[in-house]
N, C-alpha and C. Protein backbone atom coordinates (compact mmCIF):
# COMPACT_ATOMS: atom_id res chain seq x y z
N MET A 1 -24.95 -15.85 6.87
CA MET A 1 -24.24 -16.22 6.17
C MET A 1 -25.48 -14.87 4.94
N LYS A 2 -26.64 -14.33 5.83
CA LYS A 2 -27.24 -13.46 5.13
C LYS A 2 -26.38 -11.52 5.01
N THR A 3 -25.29 -11.90 5.73
CA THR A 3 -23.97 -10.55 6.52
C THR A 3 -23.72 -10.63 5.38
N ALA A 4 -22.76 -12.01 5.20
CA ALA A 4 -21.33 -12.63 4.17
C ALA A 4 -21.85 -12.33 3.36
N PHE A 5 -23.02 -12.24 2.60
CA PHE A 5 -23.59 -12.03 1.10
C PHE A 5 -23.97 -10.04 0.86
N VAL A 6 -24.04 -9.78 1.54
CA VAL A 6 -24.35 -8.39 1.65
C VAL A 6 -23.56 -7.24 1.85
N CYS A 7 -21.94 -8.29 2.16
CA CYS A 7 -20.64 -7.96 2.49
C CYS A 7 -20.30 -8.00 1.08
N SER A 8 -20.00 -9.60 -0.08
CA SER A 8 -19.62 -9.87 -0.44
C SER A 8 -20.16 -8.45 -1.95
N ALA A 9 -21.49 -8.23 -1.24
CA ALA A 9 -22.07 -7.37 -2.39
C ALA A 9 -21.76 -5.76 -2.99
N LEU A 10 -21.00 -5.48 -1.48
CA LEU A 10 -20.97 -4.39 -1.43
C LEU A 10 -19.65 -3.84 -1.71
N ILE A 11 -18.93 -4.32 -1.29
CA ILE A 11 -17.36 -4.51 -1.96
C ILE A 11 -16.97 -5.10 -3.07
N ALA A 12 -18.03 -6.33 -3.90
CA ALA A 12 -17.60 -6.31 -5.78
C ALA A 12 -17.88 -4.68 -5.98
N THR A 13 -19.78 -3.88 -5.72
CA THR A 13 -19.80 -2.71 -5.36
C THR A 13 -19.15 -1.69 -6.13
N VAL A 14 -18.07 -1.25 -4.99
CA VAL A 14 -16.73 -0.62 -4.46
C VAL A 14 -15.78 -0.96 -4.78
N LEU A 15 -15.66 -1.61 -5.93
CA LEU A 15 -14.06 -2.71 -6.68
C LEU A 15 -15.44 -2.33 -8.01
N VAL A 16 -16.21 -2.05 -8.15
CA VAL A 16 -16.94 -1.68 -9.91
C VAL A 16 -16.88 0.08 -9.97
N VAL A 17 -17.23 0.00 -8.67
CA VAL A 17 -17.35 1.70 -8.86
C VAL A 17 -15.71 2.36 -9.27
N ALA A 18 -15.80 2.14 -8.40
CA ALA A 18 -13.78 2.48 -8.06
C ALA A 18 -12.57 2.57 -9.60
N CYS A 19 -12.97 1.22 -10.15
CA CYS A 19 -12.14 0.47 -11.85
C CYS A 19 -12.91 1.32 -12.39
N SER A 20 -13.87 1.87 -12.45
CA SER A 20 -14.83 2.49 -13.59
C SER A 20 -14.73 4.38 -13.28
N ALA A 21 -14.59 4.78 -12.05
CA ALA A 21 -13.84 5.67 -11.86
C ALA A 21 -12.33 6.37 -12.49
N GLY A 22 -12.25 5.45 -11.83
CA GLY A 22 -10.83 5.03 -12.69
C GLY A 22 -9.85 5.16 -11.83
N PHE A 23 -10.02 4.29 -10.62
CA PHE A 23 -8.68 4.95 -9.38
C PHE A 23 -8.33 3.34 -10.37
N ARG A 24 -6.49 3.04 -9.23
CA ARG A 24 -5.70 1.87 -9.85
C ARG A 24 -4.44 2.34 -8.53
N VAL A 25 -4.75 1.02 -8.13
CA VAL A 25 -3.61 1.25 -7.02
C VAL A 25 -2.30 0.55 -7.17
N ILE A 26 -1.25 1.06 -6.80
CA ILE A 26 0.27 0.69 -7.02
C ILE A 26 0.70 0.40 -5.82
N LYS A 27 1.03 -1.87 -5.49
CA LYS A 27 1.44 -2.16 -4.77
C LYS A 27 2.81 -2.27 -4.73
N GLY A 28 3.41 -2.37 -3.65
CA GLY A 28 4.92 -2.88 -3.97
C GLY A 28 4.70 -3.03 -1.93
N SER A 29 6.35 -3.43 -1.99
CA SER A 29 6.84 -3.62 -0.83
C SER A 29 7.83 -3.18 0.16
N VAL A 30 8.52 -3.25 1.66
CA VAL A 30 9.80 -2.58 2.10
C VAL A 30 9.85 -3.95 1.87
N LEU A 31 11.50 -2.89 1.80
CA LEU A 31 12.93 -4.82 1.27
C LEU A 31 13.45 -4.84 2.57
N ILE A 32 14.42 -3.73 2.93
CA ILE A 32 14.75 -2.84 3.97
C ILE A 32 14.47 -1.42 4.17
N ARG A 33 14.22 -1.44 5.29
CA ARG A 33 13.84 -0.82 6.43
C ARG A 33 15.02 -0.02 8.17
N THR A 34 15.37 1.61 7.59
CA THR A 34 15.66 1.43 9.10
C THR A 34 14.89 2.13 10.28
N PRO A 35 14.90 2.65 10.98
CA PRO A 35 14.39 3.73 12.20
C PRO A 35 13.16 4.50 11.35
N THR A 36 13.60 5.36 10.45
CA THR A 36 13.29 6.35 9.68
C THR A 36 13.46 6.42 8.39
N GLU A 37 13.65 5.80 7.60
CA GLU A 37 13.17 5.52 6.05
C GLU A 37 13.11 3.62 5.69
N ALA A 38 12.48 3.81 4.67
CA ALA A 38 13.35 2.00 4.12
C ALA A 38 13.79 2.45 2.66
N ARG A 39 13.56 1.01 2.44
CA ARG A 39 13.96 1.08 0.17
C ARG A 39 12.46 -0.19 0.04
N ILE A 40 11.98 0.28 -0.84
CA ILE A 40 11.04 0.20 -2.15
C ILE A 40 10.80 -0.40 -2.81
N ASP A 41 10.43 -1.87 -3.31
CA ASP A 41 10.24 -2.33 -4.63
C ASP A 41 9.41 -1.89 -5.48
N LEU A 42 9.68 -0.14 -5.20
CA LEU A 42 8.33 0.88 -6.98
C LEU A 42 9.54 1.75 -6.83
N GLY A 43 9.20 1.58 -7.97
CA GLY A 43 9.51 3.14 -8.72
C GLY A 43 9.29 3.66 -10.13
N SER A 44 10.50 4.28 -10.90
CA SER A 44 9.45 5.29 -11.88
C SER A 44 8.65 4.33 -12.64
N GLU A 45 9.53 3.18 -12.39
CA GLU A 45 8.77 2.69 -13.47
C GLU A 45 7.46 2.01 -13.19
N ASP A 46 6.95 2.07 -11.72
CA ASP A 46 5.70 1.95 -11.72
C ASP A 46 4.74 2.53 -10.91
N GLY A 47 5.19 3.97 -11.44
CA GLY A 47 4.26 5.36 -11.72
C GLY A 47 4.65 6.42 -10.03
N ILE A 48 5.32 6.65 -9.75
CA ILE A 48 5.79 6.78 -8.61
C ILE A 48 6.72 8.15 -8.24
N GLN A 49 7.11 9.06 -7.83
CA GLN A 49 7.64 9.26 -7.83
C GLN A 49 8.10 10.60 -6.85
N VAL A 50 8.70 11.30 -6.43
CA VAL A 50 9.98 12.09 -5.18
C VAL A 50 8.50 12.56 -4.34
N GLY A 51 7.68 12.65 -3.29
CA GLY A 51 6.80 13.43 -2.90
C GLY A 51 6.03 12.52 -2.70
N ASP A 52 5.28 11.67 -3.77
CA ASP A 52 4.47 10.83 -3.33
C ASP A 52 4.52 10.03 -1.83
N THR A 53 3.36 10.36 -1.78
CA THR A 53 2.56 9.36 -0.21
C THR A 53 1.85 8.47 -0.19
N LEU A 54 2.98 7.43 0.65
CA LEU A 54 2.03 6.37 0.07
C LEU A 54 1.39 5.02 1.65
N THR A 55 0.90 4.76 1.45
CA THR A 55 0.57 3.74 2.91
C THR A 55 0.88 2.80 2.97
N VAL A 56 0.78 1.93 4.18
CA VAL A 56 1.92 1.11 4.47
C VAL A 56 0.77 0.29 5.65
N TRP A 57 0.56 -0.84 5.17
CA TRP A 57 -0.10 -1.96 5.27
C TRP A 57 0.42 -3.27 5.78
N ARG A 58 0.53 -4.07 6.44
CA ARG A 58 1.27 -5.20 7.44
C ARG A 58 -0.01 -6.34 7.30
N GLU A 59 -0.23 -7.18 7.51
CA GLU A 59 -0.58 -9.11 7.92
C GLU A 59 -0.70 -9.47 8.74
N GLU A 60 -1.25 -9.26 9.52
CA GLU A 60 -1.29 -9.71 11.71
C GLU A 60 -1.94 -11.13 11.59
N ARG A 61 -1.83 -12.07 12.09
CA ARG A 61 -2.56 -12.61 12.87
C ARG A 61 -3.44 -12.33 13.87
N TRP A 62 -4.71 -12.69 13.40
CA TRP A 62 -6.24 -12.81 14.11
C TRP A 62 -7.02 -13.67 14.77
N GLU A 63 -7.16 -13.44 15.51
CA GLU A 63 -8.19 -14.82 15.64
C GLU A 63 -7.85 -15.99 15.80
N GLY A 64 -6.79 -16.39 16.17
CA GLY A 64 -5.51 -17.47 16.02
C GLY A 64 -5.06 -18.06 14.73
N THR A 65 -6.26 -18.55 13.79
CA THR A 65 -5.23 -18.69 12.68
C THR A 65 -5.41 -17.70 11.18
N SER A 66 -6.95 -16.65 11.29
CA SER A 66 -7.53 -15.69 10.27
C SER A 66 -6.37 -14.96 10.93
N THR A 67 -6.07 -13.95 9.41
CA THR A 67 -5.14 -12.80 9.98
C THR A 67 -6.44 -11.44 9.19
N ARG A 68 -5.45 -10.39 8.96
CA ARG A 68 -6.41 -9.08 8.95
C ARG A 68 -5.28 -7.85 8.74
N THR A 69 -5.49 -7.49 7.45
CA THR A 69 -4.68 -5.91 7.26
C THR A 69 -4.95 -4.85 7.95
N VAL A 70 -4.01 -4.76 8.51
CA VAL A 70 -3.49 -3.51 9.41
C VAL A 70 -3.09 -2.63 9.10
N ARG A 71 -3.04 -1.15 8.92
CA ARG A 71 -3.40 0.01 8.25
C ARG A 71 -1.97 0.41 9.17
N VAL A 72 -0.66 0.63 9.35
CA VAL A 72 0.37 1.14 10.03
C VAL A 72 0.91 2.03 10.11
N GLY A 73 1.00 2.76 9.29
CA GLY A 73 1.89 3.79 8.75
C GLY A 73 1.87 4.34 7.44
N THR A 74 2.86 5.68 6.73
CA THR A 74 2.68 6.69 6.13
C THR A 74 4.44 6.71 5.70
N VAL A 75 4.20 6.59 4.79
CA VAL A 75 5.42 6.97 3.79
C VAL A 75 5.88 8.42 2.67
N ARG A 76 6.79 8.84 2.50
CA ARG A 76 6.97 10.19 1.02
C ARG A 76 7.87 9.92 0.26
N VAL A 77 8.16 9.13 -1.00
CA VAL A 77 8.97 9.17 -1.67
C VAL A 77 10.21 10.16 -1.81
N ALA A 78 11.41 9.59 -1.30
CA ALA A 78 12.15 10.55 -0.97
C ALA A 78 13.30 10.77 -2.03
N SER A 79 13.44 9.31 -2.63
CA SER A 79 14.50 8.97 -3.66
C SER A 79 14.71 8.40 -4.41
N MET A 80 14.53 8.24 -6.05
CA MET A 80 14.27 6.94 -7.06
C MET A 80 16.21 6.36 -6.92
N LEU A 81 16.04 4.98 -6.87
CA LEU A 81 17.30 4.36 -6.95
C LEU A 81 17.53 3.73 -8.15
N ASP A 82 16.30 4.13 -9.01
CA ASP A 82 16.64 2.98 -10.22
C ASP A 82 15.09 3.14 -10.23
N ARG A 83 14.30 2.85 -11.40
CA ARG A 83 12.75 2.06 -12.75
C ARG A 83 11.94 1.74 -11.95
N GLU A 84 13.46 0.64 -10.69
CA GLU A 84 12.50 -0.23 -9.83
C GLU A 84 12.29 -0.09 -8.58
N HIS A 85 12.56 0.77 -8.13
CA HIS A 85 13.39 0.87 -6.32
C HIS A 85 13.12 1.84 -5.70
N ALA A 86 12.55 2.98 -4.94
CA ALA A 86 12.89 3.83 -4.11
C ALA A 86 13.51 4.23 -2.76
N THR A 87 13.41 5.42 -1.86
CA THR A 87 13.97 5.43 -0.47
C THR A 87 12.85 6.63 0.41
N VAL A 88 12.49 5.90 0.73
CA VAL A 88 10.69 6.32 1.40
C VAL A 88 11.87 6.84 2.64
N GLU A 89 11.10 7.93 2.88
CA GLU A 89 11.06 8.54 4.76
C GLU A 89 9.14 8.29 5.61
N VAL A 90 9.67 7.48 6.77
CA VAL A 90 8.81 7.58 7.38
C VAL A 90 7.90 8.20 8.01
N LEU A 91 6.93 8.48 7.97
CA LEU A 91 5.81 9.98 7.92
C LEU A 91 5.96 10.02 9.19
N THR A 92 4.56 8.50 9.73
CA THR A 92 4.31 8.14 10.32
C THR A 92 4.14 6.45 11.05
N GLY A 93 4.37 5.50 11.86
CA GLY A 93 4.35 4.47 12.19
C GLY A 93 5.07 3.67 12.04
N PHE A 94 5.99 2.24 12.38
CA PHE A 94 6.83 1.81 12.43
C PHE A 94 7.45 0.97 11.31
N LEU A 95 7.31 0.98 10.13
CA LEU A 95 7.54 -0.35 9.71
C LEU A 95 8.49 -1.43 9.32
N ARG A 96 8.05 -2.69 8.77
CA ARG A 96 8.78 -4.00 8.71
C ARG A 96 8.84 -4.17 7.57
N GLU A 97 9.73 -4.97 7.58
CA GLU A 97 10.17 -5.68 5.81
C GLU A 97 9.59 -6.09 5.46
N ARG A 98 8.79 -6.44 4.30
CA ARG A 98 7.60 -7.14 3.35
C ARG A 98 6.40 -6.96 4.09
N ASP A 99 6.53 -5.72 4.90
CA ASP A 99 5.60 -4.40 5.03
C ASP A 99 4.62 -4.17 3.51
N ARG A 100 3.06 -4.47 3.08
CA ARG A 100 2.82 -3.51 1.58
C ARG A 100 2.60 -1.90 1.74
N VAL A 101 3.08 -1.88 0.78
CA VAL A 101 3.38 -0.33 0.14
C VAL A 101 1.95 0.16 -0.57
N GLU A 102 1.00 1.66 -0.21
CA GLU A 102 0.34 1.52 -1.71
C GLU A 102 -0.26 2.74 -2.48
N LYS A 103 -0.07 3.24 -3.44
CA LYS A 103 -0.82 4.96 -3.82
C LYS A 103 -1.90 4.03 -4.53
N VAL A 104 -2.83 4.58 -4.25
CA VAL A 104 -3.37 4.77 -4.88
C VAL A 104 -4.34 6.45 -5.81
N CYS A 105 -4.28 5.54 -7.42
CA CYS A 105 -3.31 7.04 -8.09
C CYS A 105 -5.97 6.81 -8.46
N TYR A 106 -5.87 8.37 -9.01
CA TYR A 106 -6.95 9.19 -9.97
C TYR A 106 -6.84 9.07 -11.10
N SER A 107 -8.00 8.23 -12.17
CA SER A 107 -7.91 8.81 -13.79
C SER A 107 -8.59 10.07 -13.35
N ARG A 108 -8.64 11.27 -14.03
CA ARG A 108 -9.70 12.20 -14.25
C ARG A 108 -9.69 12.43 -15.77
């Protein structure tokens, strides 16, 4: 019980510091993939650009009914398809459709 409280307090502190420091996380997902590239539902409207590197995350079952988020790879934006979609090349890992892609943006 005490450990859960400490973890919750730590997470809340990190979020407050991150937000006050000007962090912003852009989140999207993998729509279609091949072994070397994928199409994602993020585009220029979301603030990503050609050359940006994004982290890929996946929700996996863990210990029965619980789930955990696992980092499964990285991708680089190869081209913008339109304001809401982009093509990415796979740098590391193996993507699946519905994996989550994220880019952390820092404001200064």
